[in-house]
């Protein structure tokens, strides 16, 4: 009942704060590592300006108006970092970034080399440990940058990831890859989507310069949120048992064919201690319900390009993606406000 009452109170509170915030947006390249430069995107509360730009808008997805490189309009803000899914990019959860900024957050996303839309380098993709390290590098940059170091609240840093991004952020709080266990699980549950990516993502065999999984834990991350993750069974159950950082596990109830939440998000919920996690399944959501709202005609357009891709814009019957996003965000915002 307490969760329900808090949820209702939150939903009633949200509209009043939304009307007051302008969304600033900037993009940069972090190039400390010449072998793996990172393209990053940052959303933040900005001072009003007449210079409005529509970003992340295309024939399929709705975009959002922002003030590019606008003046920052906050003295202190919690930080949320976003990790996209396989072959995704910063646009995938821009809808969530905007909603968070409207509530006073600074949000930063990184395009992961090797598994992002315009960079599918096999060499980069096989360095599976680089994904969580990308987020740690992003945090290093923000906490040392002249513009952001004085703005970001270092005690309130969250990482959110969708799909492969969910797998990524879990490693920042102690989840550890276990190849032998993953191989065993793929024999029991031969999932073509997750097990089929093992070789490409460097999980089938040891990789050159591969670090110990334990070294990926970043104690600066105070909580993580997983949005319908995949590859959960590549983690050792023993490492999940040891997670003490708060984790919110959100899952899509409708299986799109080869990503059943019972074997993915459900696996996390089974092994992460109850006191460390919250777990919710949206029965009318599909895996791609966590992506932006689609435009009218988008399904037909996607099907014309690649048969079957229309599923990207499909959700459960009798519900809109907008309504799902409202529920998802309310749960995320409530979780973020319940820090120990």
C-alpha atoms as a PDB file:
ATOM      1  CA  UNK A   1       0.000   0.000   0.000  1.00  0.00           C
ATOM      2  CA  UNK A   2       2.878   2.390   0.791  1.00  0.00           C
ATOM      3  CA  UNK A   3       4.316   1.824  -2.737  1.00  0.00           C
ATOM      4  CA  UNK A   4       0.875   2.436  -4.288  1.00  0.00           C
ATOM      5  CA  UNK A   5       0.224   5.627  -2.326  1.00  0.00           C
ATOM      6  CA  UNK A   6       3.684   6.957  -3.155  1.00  0.00           C
ATOM      7  CA  UNK A   7       3.088   6.184  -6.820  1.00  0.00           C
ATOM      8  CA  UNK A   8      -0.223   8.088  -6.882  1.00  0.00           C
ATOM      9  CA  UNK A   9       1.327  11.062  -5.073  1.00  0.00           C
ATOM     10  CA  UNK A  10       4.196  11.099  -7.546  1.00  0.00           C
ATOM     11  CA  UNK A  11       1.933  11.042 -10.601  1.00  0.00           C
ATOM     12  CA  UNK A  12      -0.019  13.994  -9.208  1.00  0.00           C
ATOM     13  CA  UNK A  13       3.202  15.921  -8.560  1.00  0.00           C
ATOM     14  CA  UNK A  14       4.913  15.471 -11.923  1.00  0.00           C
ATOM     15  CA  UNK A  15       3.013  17.915 -14.205  1.00  0.00           C
ATOM     16  CA  UNK A  16       3.729  21.029 -12.115  1.00  0.00           C
ATOM     17  CA  UNK A  17       7.505  20.563 -12.353  1.00  0.00           C
ATOM     18  CA  UNK A  18       7.500  19.630 -16.029  1.00  0.00           C
ATOM     19  CA  UNK A  19       6.231  23.029 -17.178  1.00  0.00           C
ATOM     20  CA  UNK A  20       9.144  24.966 -15.646  1.00  0.00           C
ATOM     21  CA  UNK A  21      12.247  23.328 -17.133  1.00  0.00           C
ATOM     22  CA  UNK A  22      14.090  23.992 -20.383  1.00  0.00           C
ATOM     23  CA  UNK A  23      16.195  21.122 -21.734  1.00  0.00           C
ATOM     24  CA  UNK A  24      19.813  21.862 -22.553  1.00  0.00           C
ATOM     25  CA  UNK A  25      21.770  19.471 -24.758  1.00  0.00           C
ATOM     26  CA  UNK A  26      25.380  19.097 -25.796  1.00  0.00           C
ATOM     27  CA  UNK A  27      27.533  16.449 -27.453  1.00  0.00           C
ATOM     28  CA  UNK A  28      31.257  15.877 -27.142  1.00  0.00           C
ATOM     29  CA  UNK A  29      33.940  13.286 -27.809  1.00  0.00           C
ATOM     30  CA  UNK A  30      36.040  12.016 -24.915  1.00  0.00           C
ATOM     31  CA  UNK A  31      39.397  11.181 -26.409  1.00  0.00           C
ATOM     32  CA  UNK A  32      41.654  10.345 -23.450  1.00  0.00           C
ATOM     33  CA  UNK A  33      41.947   6.876 -24.987  1.00  0.00           C
ATOM     34  CA  UNK A  34      42.968   7.130 -28.631  1.00  0.00           C
ATOM     35  CA  UNK A  35      42.003   3.476 -29.098  1.00  0.00           C
ATOM     36  CA  UNK A  36      38.460   4.046 -27.837  1.00  0.00           C
ATOM     37  CA  UNK A  37      37.220   7.639 -28.148  1.00  0.00           C
ATOM     38  CA  UNK A  38      33.716   8.016 -26.759  1.00  0.00           C
ATOM     39  CA  UNK A  39      30.880  10.076 -28.196  1.00  0.00           C
ATOM     40  CA  UNK A  40      28.792  11.386 -25.329  1.00  0.00           C
ATOM     41  CA  UNK A  41      25.503  13.277 -25.080  1.00  0.00           C
ATOM     42  CA  UNK A  42      24.443  15.383 -22.098  1.00  0.00           C
ATOM     43  CA  UNK A  43      20.971  16.670 -21.215  1.00  0.00           C
ATOM     44  CA  UNK A  44      20.589  19.228 -18.426  1.00  0.00           C
ATOM     45  CA  UNK A  45      18.382  22.019 -17.028  1.00  0.00           C
ATOM     46  CA  UNK A  46      19.063  25.102 -19.155  1.00  0.00           C
ATOM     47  CA  UNK A  47      18.295  28.788 -19.027  1.00  0.00           C
ATOM     48  CA  UNK A  48      15.482  29.857 -21.387  1.00  0.00           C
ATOM     49  CA  UNK A  49      16.437  30.649 -24.970  1.00  0.00           C
ATOM     50  CA  UNK A  50      14.670  31.238 -28.258  1.00  0.00           C
ATOM     51  CA  UNK A  51      17.189  28.986 -30.034  1.00  0.00           C
ATOM     52  CA  UNK A  52      15.290  25.690 -30.035  1.00  0.00           C
ATOM     53  CA  UNK A  53      16.436  22.592 -31.939  1.00  0.00           C
ATOM     54  CA  UNK A  54      14.562  19.325 -32.477  1.00  0.00           C
ATOM     55  CA  UNK A  55      16.800  16.333 -31.733  1.00  0.00           C
ATOM     56  CA  UNK A  56      16.425  12.552 -32.078  1.00  0.00           C
ATOM     57  CA  UNK A  57      13.595  13.073 -34.556  1.00  0.00           C
ATOM     58  CA  UNK A  58      13.337  10.879 -37.656  1.00  0.00           C
ATOM     59  CA  UNK A  59      10.635   9.230 -39.796  1.00  0.00           C
ATOM     60  CA  UNK A  60      10.178   6.515 -37.147  1.00  0.00           C
ATOM     61  CA  UNK A  61      10.609   8.149 -33.736  1.00  0.00           C
ATOM     62  CA  UNK A  62       9.380  11.385 -32.191  1.00  0.00           C
ATOM     63  CA  UNK A  63      12.108  13.801 -31.150  1.00  0.00           C
ATOM     64  CA  UNK A  64      12.253  16.476 -28.478  1.00  0.00           C
ATOM     65  CA  UNK A  65      12.994  20.226 -28.545  1.00  0.00           C
ATOM     66  CA  UNK A  66      16.192  21.250 -26.772  1.00  0.00           C
ATOM     67  CA  UNK A  67      18.516  24.218 -26.419  1.00  0.00           C
ATOM     68  CA  UNK A  68      21.806  23.094 -27.919  1.00  0.00           C
ATOM     69  CA  UNK A  69      24.791  24.169 -25.823  1.00  0.00           C
ATOM     70  CA  UNK A  70      22.508  26.312 -23.697  1.00  0.00           C
ATOM     71  CA  UNK A  71      23.625  27.843 -20.408  1.00  0.00           C
ATOM     72  CA  UNK A  72      23.324  25.480 -17.437  1.00  0.00           C
ATOM     73  CA  UNK A  73      20.512  26.456 -15.078  1.00  0.00           C
ATOM     74  CA  UNK A  74      21.311  24.510 -11.911  1.00  0.00           C
ATOM     75  CA  UNK A  75      23.913  24.757  -9.148  1.00  0.00           C
ATOM     76  CA  UNK A  76      23.707  21.114  -8.101  1.00  0.00           C
ATOM     77  CA  UNK A  77      22.051  18.084  -9.660  1.00  0.00           C
ATOM     78  CA  UNK A  78      22.031  14.308  -9.342  1.00  0.00           C
ATOM     79  CA  UNK A  79      23.499  12.438 -12.307  1.00  0.00           C
ATOM     80  CA  UNK A  80      22.016   9.618 -14.367  1.00  0.00           C
ATOM     81  CA  UNK A  81      24.155   7.823 -16.956  1.00  0.00           C
ATOM     82  CA  UNK A  82      22.516   5.865 -19.787  1.00  0.00           C
ATOM     83  CA  UNK A  83      23.769   2.732 -21.551  1.00  0.00           C
ATOM     84  CA  UNK A  84      22.064   1.751 -24.816  1.00  0.00           C
ATOM     85  CA  UNK A  85      21.316  -1.755 -26.070  1.00  0.00           C
ATOM     86  CA  UNK A  86      22.985  -3.817 -28.789  1.00  0.00           C
ATOM     87  CA  UNK A  87      23.488  -1.704 -31.939  1.00  0.00           C
ATOM     88  CA  UNK A  88      21.634   1.167 -30.255  1.00  0.00           C
ATOM     89  CA  UNK A  89      22.705   4.759 -29.544  1.00  0.00           C
ATOM     90  CA  UNK A  90      22.100   7.808 -27.361  1.00  0.00           C
ATOM     91  CA  UNK A  91      18.708   8.409 -28.965  1.00  0.00           C
ATOM     92  CA  UNK A  92      17.213   5.188 -27.600  1.00  0.00           C
ATOM     93  CA  UNK A  93      16.338   6.552 -24.170  1.00  0.00           C
ATOM     94  CA  UNK A  94      16.339  10.269 -24.925  1.00  0.00           C
ATOM     95  CA  UNK A  95      12.663  10.330 -23.884  1.00  0.00           C
ATOM     96  CA  UNK A  96      13.755   9.199 -20.420  1.00  0.00           C
ATOM     97  CA  UNK A  97      16.587  11.721 -20.331  1.00  0.00           C
ATOM     98  CA  UNK A  98      14.146  14.556 -21.029  1.00  0.00           C
ATOM     99  CA  UNK A  99      11.777  13.428 -18.271  1.00  0.00           C
ATOM    100  CA  UNK A 100      14.641  13.216 -15.793  1.00  0.00           C
ATOM    101  CA  UNK A 101      15.948  16.678 -16.664  1.00  0.00           C
ATOM    102  CA  UNK A 102      12.451  18.046 -16.143  1.00  0.00           C
ATOM    103  CA  UNK A 103      12.820  16.805 -12.566  1.00  0.00           C
ATOM    104  CA  UNK A 104      16.218  18.430 -12.050  1.00  0.00           C
ATOM    105  CA  UNK A 105      18.663  15.726 -13.137  1.00  0.00           C
ATOM    106  CA  UNK A 106      21.700  15.918 -15.379  1.00  0.00           C
ATOM    107  CA  UNK A 107      21.714  12.946 -17.768  1.00  0.00           C
ATOM    108  CA  UNK A 108      24.652  11.682 -19.821  1.00  0.00           C
ATOM    109  CA  UNK A 109      24.745   8.897 -22.411  1.00  0.00           C
ATOM    110  CA  UNK A 110      27.608   7.226 -24.231  1.00  0.00           C
ATOM    111  CA  UNK A 111      27.671   5.444 -27.594  1.00  0.00           C
ATOM    112  CA  UNK A 112      29.550   2.194 -26.938  1.00  0.00           C
ATOM    113  CA  UNK A 113      32.103   1.540 -29.733  1.00  0.00           C
ATOM    114  CA  UNK A 114      31.575  -1.824 -31.407  1.00  0.00           C
ATOM    115  CA  UNK A 115      27.946  -2.206 -30.336  1.00  0.00           C
ATOM    116  CA  UNK A 116      26.473   1.119 -31.401  1.00  0.00           C
ATOM    117  CA  UNK A 117      24.494   2.019 -34.522  1.00  0.00           C
ATOM    118  CA  UNK A 118      27.290   3.363 -36.704  1.00  0.00           C
ATOM    119  CA  UNK A 119      30.172   1.391 -35.193  1.00  0.00           C
ATOM    120  CA  UNK A 120      30.009  -2.408 -35.279  1.00  0.00           C
ATOM    121  CA  UNK A 121      33.762  -3.042 -35.138  1.00  0.00           C
ATOM    122  CA  UNK A 122      34.250  -6.751 -34.248  1.00  0.00           C
ATOM    123  CA  UNK A 123      37.439  -5.963 -32.353  1.00  0.00           C
ATOM    124  CA  UNK A 124      35.676  -3.401 -30.169  1.00  0.00           C
ATOM    125  CA  UNK A 125      32.538  -5.502 -29.704  1.00  0.00           C
ATOM    126  CA  UNK A 126      34.555  -8.464 -28.397  1.00  0.00           C
ATOM    127  CA  UNK A 127      35.986  -6.332 -25.601  1.00  0.00           C
ATOM    128  CA  UNK A 128      32.899  -6.907 -23.468  1.00  0.00           C
ATOM    129  CA  UNK A 129      34.479  -5.278 -20.401  1.00  0.00           C
ATOM    130  CA  UNK A 130      34.790  -1.960 -22.198  1.00  0.00           C
ATOM    131  CA  UNK A 131      31.055  -1.285 -21.960  1.00  0.00           C
ATOM    132  CA  UNK A 132      30.994  -0.805 -18.174  1.00  0.00           C
ATOM    133  CA  UNK A 133      34.386   0.918 -18.358  1.00  0.00           C
ATOM    134  CA  UNK A 134      32.868   3.382 -20.862  1.00  0.00           C
ATOM    135  CA  UNK A 135      30.471   4.540 -18.149  1.00  0.00           C
ATOM    136  CA  UNK A 136      33.256   4.801 -15.587  1.00  0.00           C
ATOM    137  CA  UNK A 137      35.253   6.878 -18.084  1.00  0.00           C
ATOM    138  CA  UNK A 138      32.203   9.062 -18.687  1.00  0.00           C
ATOM    139  CA  UNK A 139      31.904   9.624 -14.954  1.00  0.00           C
ATOM    140  CA  UNK A 140      35.634  10.391 -14.692  1.00  0.00           C
ATOM    141  CA  UNK A 141      35.192  13.041 -17.358  1.00  0.00           C
ATOM    142  CA  UNK A 142      32.125  14.670 -15.833  1.00  0.00           C
ATOM    143  CA  UNK A 143      33.625  14.815 -12.342  1.00  0.00           C
ATOM    144  CA  UNK A 144      36.819  16.436 -13.609  1.00  0.00           C
ATOM    145  CA  UNK A 145      35.386  18.716 -16.301  1.00  0.00           C
ATOM    146  CA  UNK A 146      35.402  22.430 -15.517  1.00  0.00           C
ATOM    147  CA  UNK A 147      31.756  22.856 -16.526  1.00  0.00           C
ATOM    148  CA  UNK A 148      30.294  19.800 -14.781  1.00  0.00           C
ATOM    149  CA  UNK A 149      32.463  18.980 -11.778  1.00  0.00           C
ATOM    150  CA  UNK A 150      30.871  21.687  -9.659  1.00  0.00           C
ATOM    151  CA  UNK A 151      27.328  20.861 -10.740  1.00  0.00           C
ATOM    152  CA  UNK A 152      27.054  17.102 -10.320  1.00  0.00           C
ATOM    153  CA  UNK A 153      26.190  15.697  -6.902  1.00  0.00           C
ATOM    154  CA  UNK A 154      28.871  13.018  -6.471  1.00  0.00           C
ATOM    155  CA  UNK A 155      26.820  11.278  -3.794  1.00  0.00           C
ATOM    156  CA  UNK A 156      23.873  10.713  -6.136  1.00  0.00           C
ATOM    157  CA  UNK A 157      25.005   8.904  -9.295  1.00  0.00           C
ATOM    158  CA  UNK A 158      22.790   6.347 -11.055  1.00  0.00           C
ATOM    159  CA  UNK A 159      23.346   4.156 -14.113  1.00  0.00           C
ATOM    160  CA  UNK A 160      20.402   3.010 -16.256  1.00  0.00           C
ATOM    161  CA  UNK A 161      20.661   0.548 -19.122  1.00  0.00           C
ATOM    162  CA  UNK A 162      18.295  -1.053 -21.615  1.00  0.00           C
ATOM    163  CA  UNK A 163      18.817  -4.575 -22.973  1.00  0.00           C
ATOM    164  CA  UNK A 164      22.603  -5.032 -23.322  1.00  0.00           C
ATOM    165  CA  UNK A 165      22.824  -1.736 -21.463  1.00  0.00           C
ATOM    166  CA  UNK A 166      21.122  -3.358 -18.480  1.00  0.00           C
ATOM    167  CA  UNK A 167      23.773  -6.080 -18.562  1.00  0.00           C
ATOM    168  CA  UNK A 168      26.379  -3.307 -18.699  1.00  0.00           C
ATOM    169  CA  UNK A 169      25.222  -1.335 -15.664  1.00  0.00           C
ATOM    170  CA  UNK A 170      24.877  -4.443 -13.482  1.00  0.00           C
ATOM    171  CA  UNK A 171      28.626  -4.985 -13.799  1.00  0.00           C
ATOM    172  CA  UNK A 172      29.220  -1.576 -12.250  1.00  0.00           C
ATOM    173  CA  UNK A 173      27.701  -2.800  -8.972  1.00  0.00           C
ATOM    174  CA  UNK A 174      29.330  -6.223  -8.780  1.00  0.00           C
ATOM    175  CA  UNK A 175      27.738  -8.605 -11.292  1.00  0.00           C
ATOM    176  CA  UNK A 176      30.539 -10.744 -12.753  1.00  0.00           C
ATOM    177  CA  UNK A 177      30.730 -12.639 -16.035  1.00  0.00           C
ATOM    178  CA  UNK A 178      31.182 -16.411 -15.643  1.00  0.00           C
ATOM    179  CA  UNK A 179      31.886 -18.132 -18.977  1.00  0.00           C
ATOM    180  CA  UNK A 180      31.545 -21.686 -17.692  1.00  0.00           C
ATOM    181  CA  UNK A 181      28.175 -20.913 -16.142  1.00  0.00           C
ATOM    182  CA  UNK A 182      26.998 -19.066 -19.267  1.00  0.00           C
ATOM    183  CA  UNK A 183      27.983 -22.011 -21.470  1.00  0.00           C
ATOM    184  CA  UNK A 184      26.060 -24.350 -19.185  1.00  0.00           C
ATOM    185  CA  UNK A 185      23.010 -22.086 -19.256  1.00  0.00           C
ATOM    186  CA  UNK A 186      23.105 -21.896 -23.057  1.00  0.00           C
ATOM    187  CA  UNK A 187      22.982 -25.696 -23.194  1.00  0.00           C
ATOM    188  CA  UNK A 188      19.911 -25.632 -20.955  1.00  0.00           C
ATOM    189  CA  UNK A 189      18.310 -22.578 -22.601  1.00  0.00           C
ATOM    190  CA  UNK A 190      19.714 -22.291 -26.166  1.00  0.00           C
ATOM    191  CA  UNK A 191      18.468 -18.758 -26.767  1.00  0.00           C
ATOM    192  CA  UNK A 192      19.520 -17.562 -30.259  1.00  0.00           C
ATOM    193  CA  UNK A 193      19.421 -13.879 -29.294  1.00  0.00           C
ATOM    194  CA  UNK A 194      21.600 -14.034 -26.183  1.00  0.00           C
ATOM    195  CA  UNK A 195      23.668 -17.193 -26.645  1.00  0.00           C
ATOM    196  CA  UNK A 196      24.037 -16.342 -30.326  1.00  0.00           C
ATOM    197  CA  UNK A 197      25.880 -13.145 -29.397  1.00  0.00           C
ATOM    198  CA  UNK A 198      28.438 -14.897 -27.193  1.00  0.00           C
ATOM    199  CA  UNK A 199      31.195 -15.023 -29.810  1.00  0.00           C
ATOM    200  CA  UNK A 200      30.622 -11.487 -31.120  1.00  0.00           C
ATOM    201  CA  UNK A 201      30.685 -10.031 -27.617  1.00  0.00           C
ATOM    202  CA  UNK A 202      33.808 -11.948 -26.620  1.00  0.00           C
ATOM    203  CA  UNK A 203      31.979 -14.173 -24.147  1.00  0.00           C
ATOM    204  CA  UNK A 204      32.661 -17.504 -25.863  1.00  0.00           C
ATOM    205  CA  UNK A 205      36.362 -17.534 -24.967  1.00  0.00           C
ATOM    206  CA  UNK A 206      38.932 -15.428 -23.146  1.00  0.00           C
ATOM    207  CA  UNK A 207      40.014 -12.225 -24.869  1.00  0.00           C
ATOM    208  CA  UNK A 208      43.438 -10.529 -24.969  1.00  0.00           C
ATOM    209  CA  UNK A 209      43.948  -8.042 -22.107  1.00  0.00           C
ATOM    210  CA  UNK A 210      40.711  -9.143 -20.467  1.00  0.00           C
ATOM    211  CA  UNK A 211      40.464  -7.862 -16.865  1.00  0.00           C
ATOM    212  CA  UNK A 212      38.926  -9.635 -13.926  1.00  0.00           C
ATOM    213  CA  UNK A 213      35.204  -8.875 -13.758  1.00  0.00           C
ATOM    214  CA  UNK A 214      35.599  -7.757 -10.157  1.00  0.00           C
ATOM    215  CA  UNK A 215      37.667  -4.783 -11.323  1.00  0.00           C
ATOM    216  CA  UNK A 216      34.681  -3.327 -13.182  1.00  0.00           C
ATOM    217  CA  UNK A 217      32.818  -2.530  -9.958  1.00  0.00           C
ATOM    218  CA  UNK A 218      32.582   1.253  -9.574  1.00  0.00           C
ATOM    219  CA  UNK A 219      31.656   2.256  -6.044  1.00  0.00           C
ATOM    220  CA  UNK A 220      30.780   5.769  -7.178  1.00  0.00           C
ATOM    221  CA  UNK A 221      27.595   4.332  -8.688  1.00  0.00           C
ATOM    222  CA  UNK A 222      24.982   4.494  -5.935  1.00  0.00           C
ATOM    223  CA  UNK A 223      22.139   2.648  -7.696  1.00  0.00           C
ATOM    224  CA  UNK A 224      21.374   1.046 -11.040  1.00  0.00           C
ATOM    225  CA  UNK A 225      18.255   0.409 -13.092  1.00  0.00           C
ATOM    226  CA  UNK A 226      17.913  -2.413 -15.597  1.00  0.00           C
ATOM    227  CA  UNK A 227      15.349  -2.044 -18.395  1.00  0.00           C
ATOM    228  CA  UNK A 228      14.474  -5.491 -19.792  1.00  0.00           C
ATOM    229  CA  UNK A 229      18.081  -6.648 -19.924  1.00  0.00           C
ATOM    230  CA  UNK A 230      19.537  -9.562 -21.856  1.00  0.00           C
ATOM    231  CA  UNK A 231      22.489 -11.876 -21.103  1.00  0.00           C
ATOM    232  CA  UNK A 232      21.600 -12.094 -17.408  1.00  0.00           C
ATOM    233  CA  UNK A 233      22.668 -15.750 -17.362  1.00  0.00           C
ATOM    234  CA  UNK A 234      26.223 -14.809 -18.257  1.00  0.00           C
ATOM    235  CA  UNK A 235      26.542 -13.577 -14.655  1.00  0.00           C
ATOM    236  CA  UNK A 236      27.513 -15.920 -11.862  1.00  0.00           C
ATOM    237  CA  UNK A 237      24.715 -16.352  -9.364  1.00  0.00           C
ATOM    238  CA  UNK A 238      27.276 -15.987  -6.564  1.00  0.00           C
ATOM    239  CA  UNK A 239      28.232 -12.483  -7.722  1.00  0.00           C
ATOM    240  CA  UNK A 240      24.573 -11.468  -7.907  1.00  0.00           C
ATOM    241  CA  UNK A 241      24.046 -12.750  -4.358  1.00  0.00           C
ATOM    242  CA  UNK A 242      26.701 -10.305  -3.150  1.00  0.00           C
ATOM    243  CA  UNK A 243      25.198  -7.144  -4.677  1.00  0.00           C
ATOM    244  CA  UNK A 244      24.412  -4.582  -1.995  1.00  0.00           C
ATOM    245  CA  UNK A 245      23.845  -1.525  -4.194  1.00  0.00           C
ATOM    246  CA  UNK A 246      20.118  -0.799  -4.789  1.00  0.00           C
ATOM    247  CA  UNK A 247      18.909  -2.248  -8.088  1.00  0.00           C
ATOM    248  CA  UNK A 248      15.598  -1.606  -9.857  1.00  0.00           C
ATOM    249  CA  UNK A 249      14.715  -4.386 -12.308  1.00  0.00           C
ATOM    250  CA  UNK A 250      12.033  -3.442 -14.843  1.00  0.00           C
ATOM    251  CA  UNK A 251      10.905  -6.025 -17.383  1.00  0.00           C
ATOM    252  CA  UNK A 252       8.628  -6.381 -20.404  1.00  0.00           C
ATOM    253  CA  UNK A 253       5.922  -8.981 -19.870  1.00  0.00           C
ATOM    254  CA  UNK A 254       5.383  -9.798 -23.555  1.00  0.00           C
ATOM    255  CA  UNK A 255       8.170 -11.936 -25.009  1.00  0.00           C
ATOM    256  CA  UNK A 256       9.085 -10.830 -28.537  1.00  0.00           C
ATOM    257  CA  UNK A 257      10.178 -14.370 -29.335  1.00  0.00           C
ATOM    258  CA  UNK A 258      13.562 -15.018 -27.807  1.00  0.00           C
ATOM    259  CA  UNK A 259      13.995 -12.746 -24.796  1.00  0.00           C
ATOM    260  CA  UNK A 260      11.692 -14.106 -22.056  1.00  0.00           C
ATOM    261  CA  UNK A 261      11.909 -11.915 -18.996  1.00  0.00           C
ATOM    262  CA  UNK A 262      11.585 -14.968 -16.737  1.00  0.00           C
ATOM    263  CA  UNK A 263      15.018 -16.103 -17.954  1.00  0.00           C
ATOM    264  CA  UNK A 264      16.557 -12.627 -17.956  1.00  0.00           C
ATOM    265  CA  UNK A 265      15.185 -10.019 -15.535  1.00  0.00           C
ATOM    266  CA  UNK A 266      13.630 -12.836 -13.527  1.00  0.00           C
ATOM    267  CA  UNK A 267      17.048 -14.439 -13.139  1.00  0.00           C
ATOM    268  CA  UNK A 268      18.375 -11.218 -11.630  1.00  0.00           C
ATOM    269  CA  UNK A 269      15.417 -10.954  -9.278  1.00  0.00           C
ATOM    270  CA  UNK A 270      15.929 -14.548  -8.180  1.00  0.00           C
ATOM    271  CA  UNK A 271      19.572 -14.087  -7.218  1.00  0.00           C
ATOM    272  CA  UNK A 272      20.018 -10.447  -6.147  1.00  0.00           C
ATOM    273  CA  UNK A 273      19.162 -10.156  -2.429  1.00  0.00           C
ATOM    274  CA  UNK A 274      15.612  -9.004  -1.798  1.00  0.00           C
ATOM    275  CA  UNK A 275      16.798  -6.100   0.344  1.00  0.00           C
ATOM    276  CA  UNK A 276      18.909  -4.813  -2.557  1.00  0.00           C
ATOM    277  CA  UNK A 277      16.403  -4.941  -5.381  1.00  0.00           C
ATOM    278  CA  UNK A 278      12.940  -4.031  -6.608  1.00  0.00           C
ATOM    279  CA  UNK A 279      11.417  -5.985  -9.469  1.00  0.00           C
ATOM    280  CA  UNK A 280       8.457  -5.096 -11.658  1.00  0.00           C
ATOM    281  CA  UNK A 281       7.037  -6.592 -14.848  1.00  0.00           C
ATOM    282  CA  UNK A 282       4.946  -4.442 -17.197  1.00  0.00           C
ATOM    283  CA  UNK A 283       2.585  -7.062 -18.543  1.00  0.00           C
ATOM    284  CA  UNK A 284       1.627  -5.007 -21.630  1.00  0.00           C
ATOM    285  CA  UNK A 285       5.154  -3.936 -22.522  1.00  0.00           C
ATOM    286  CA  UNK A 286       7.457  -5.449 -25.142  1.00  0.00           C
ATOM    287  CA  UNK A 287      11.246  -5.245 -25.287  1.00  0.00           C
ATOM    288  CA  UNK A 288      11.181  -2.146 -27.491  1.00  0.00           C
ATOM    289  CA  UNK A 289       8.557  -0.361 -25.386  1.00  0.00           C
ATOM    290  CA  UNK A 290      11.520   1.249 -23.624  1.00  0.00           C
ATOM    291  CA  UNK A 291      12.451   3.051 -26.864  1.00  0.00           C
ATOM    292  CA  UNK A 292      10.964   6.431 -27.924  1.00  0.00           C
ATOM    293  CA  UNK A 293       7.377   6.905 -29.064  1.00  0.00           C
ATOM    294  CA  UNK A 294       6.872   5.947 -32.701  1.00  0.00           C
ATOM    295  CA  UNK A 295       5.212   8.166 -35.285  1.00  0.00           C
ATOM    296  CA  UNK A 296       2.042   7.178 -37.188  1.00  0.00           C
ATOM    297  CA  UNK A 297       2.957   4.895 -40.061  1.00  0.00           C
ATOM    298  CA  UNK A 298       6.278   3.908 -38.512  1.00  0.00           C
ATOM    299  CA  UNK A 299       5.460   0.196 -38.414  1.00  0.00           C
ATOM    300  CA  UNK A 300       4.679   0.140 -42.135  1.00  0.00           C
ATOM    301  CA  UNK A 301       7.853   2.090 -42.893  1.00  0.00           C
ATOM    302  CA  UNK A 302      10.012  -0.298 -40.880  1.00  0.00           C
ATOM    303  CA  UNK A 303       8.426  -3.363 -42.470  1.00  0.00           C
ATOM    304  CA  UNK A 304       9.107  -1.960 -45.928  1.00  0.00           C
ATOM    305  CA  UNK A 305      12.792  -1.630 -45.111  1.00  0.00           C
ATOM    306  CA  UNK A 306      13.296  -4.909 -43.220  1.00  0.00           C
ATOM    307  CA  UNK A 307      10.532  -7.443 -42.752  1.00  0.00           C
ATOM    308  CA  UNK A 308       9.918  -8.005 -39.060  1.00  0.00           C
ATOM    309  CA  UNK A 309      11.377  -4.694 -37.883  1.00  0.00           C
ATOM    310  CA  UNK A 310       7.899  -3.313 -37.295  1.00  0.00           C
ATOM    311  CA  UNK A 311       8.056  -4.971 -33.886  1.00  0.00           C
ATOM    312  CA  UNK A 312      10.242  -2.059 -32.781  1.00  0.00           C
ATOM    313  CA  UNK A 313       7.108   0.093 -32.640  1.00  0.00           C
ATOM    314  CA  UNK A 314       4.709  -2.489 -31.213  1.00  0.00           C
ATOM    315  CA  UNK A 315       3.409  -2.630 -27.654  1.00  0.00           C
ATOM    316  CA  UNK A 316       0.704  -4.657 -25.936  1.00  0.00           C
ATOM    317  CA  UNK A 317      -2.899  -4.425 -27.054  1.00  0.00           C
ATOM    318  CA  UNK A 318      -4.995  -1.698 -25.519  1.00  0.00           C
ATOM    319  CA  UNK A 319      -2.105   0.459 -24.323  1.00  0.00           C
ATOM    320  CA  UNK A 320       0.007   3.207 -25.849  1.00  0.00           C
ATOM    321  CA  UNK A 321       3.759   3.595 -25.555  1.00  0.00           C
ATOM    322  CA  UNK A 322       3.128   7.014 -24.063  1.00  0.00           C
ATOM    323  CA  UNK A 323       1.115   5.437 -21.240  1.00  0.00           C
ATOM    324  CA  UNK A 324       3.811   2.822 -20.695  1.00  0.00           C
ATOM    325  CA  UNK A 325       6.462   5.526 -20.536  1.00  0.00           C
ATOM    326  CA  UNK A 326       4.451   7.390 -17.918  1.00  0.00           C
ATOM    327  CA  UNK A 327       4.284   4.269 -15.729  1.00  0.00           C
ATOM    328  CA  UNK A 328       7.930   3.383 -16.303  1.00  0.00           C
ATOM    329  CA  UNK A 329       9.120   6.868 -15.459  1.00  0.00           C
ATOM    330  CA  UNK A 330       6.960   7.090 -12.347  1.00  0.00           C
ATOM    331  CA  UNK A 331       8.510   3.856 -11.054  1.00  0.00           C
ATOM    332  CA  UNK A 332      12.025   5.037 -11.907  1.00  0.00           C
ATOM    333  CA  UNK A 333      11.533   8.432 -10.268  1.00  0.00           C
ATOM    334  CA  UNK A 334      10.076   6.844  -7.149  1.00  0.00           C
ATOM    335  CA  UNK A 335      13.039   4.468  -6.904  1.00  0.00           C
ATOM    336  CA  UNK A 336      15.525   7.317  -7.344  1.00  0.00           C
ATOM    337  CA  UNK A 337      13.877   9.180  -4.494  1.00  0.00           C
ATOM    338  CA  UNK A 338      14.212   6.266  -2.071  1.00  0.00           C
ATOM    339  CA  UNK A 339      17.963   6.396  -1.620  1.00  0.00           C
ATOM    340  CA  UNK A 340      19.222   5.025   1.698  1.00  0.00           C
END
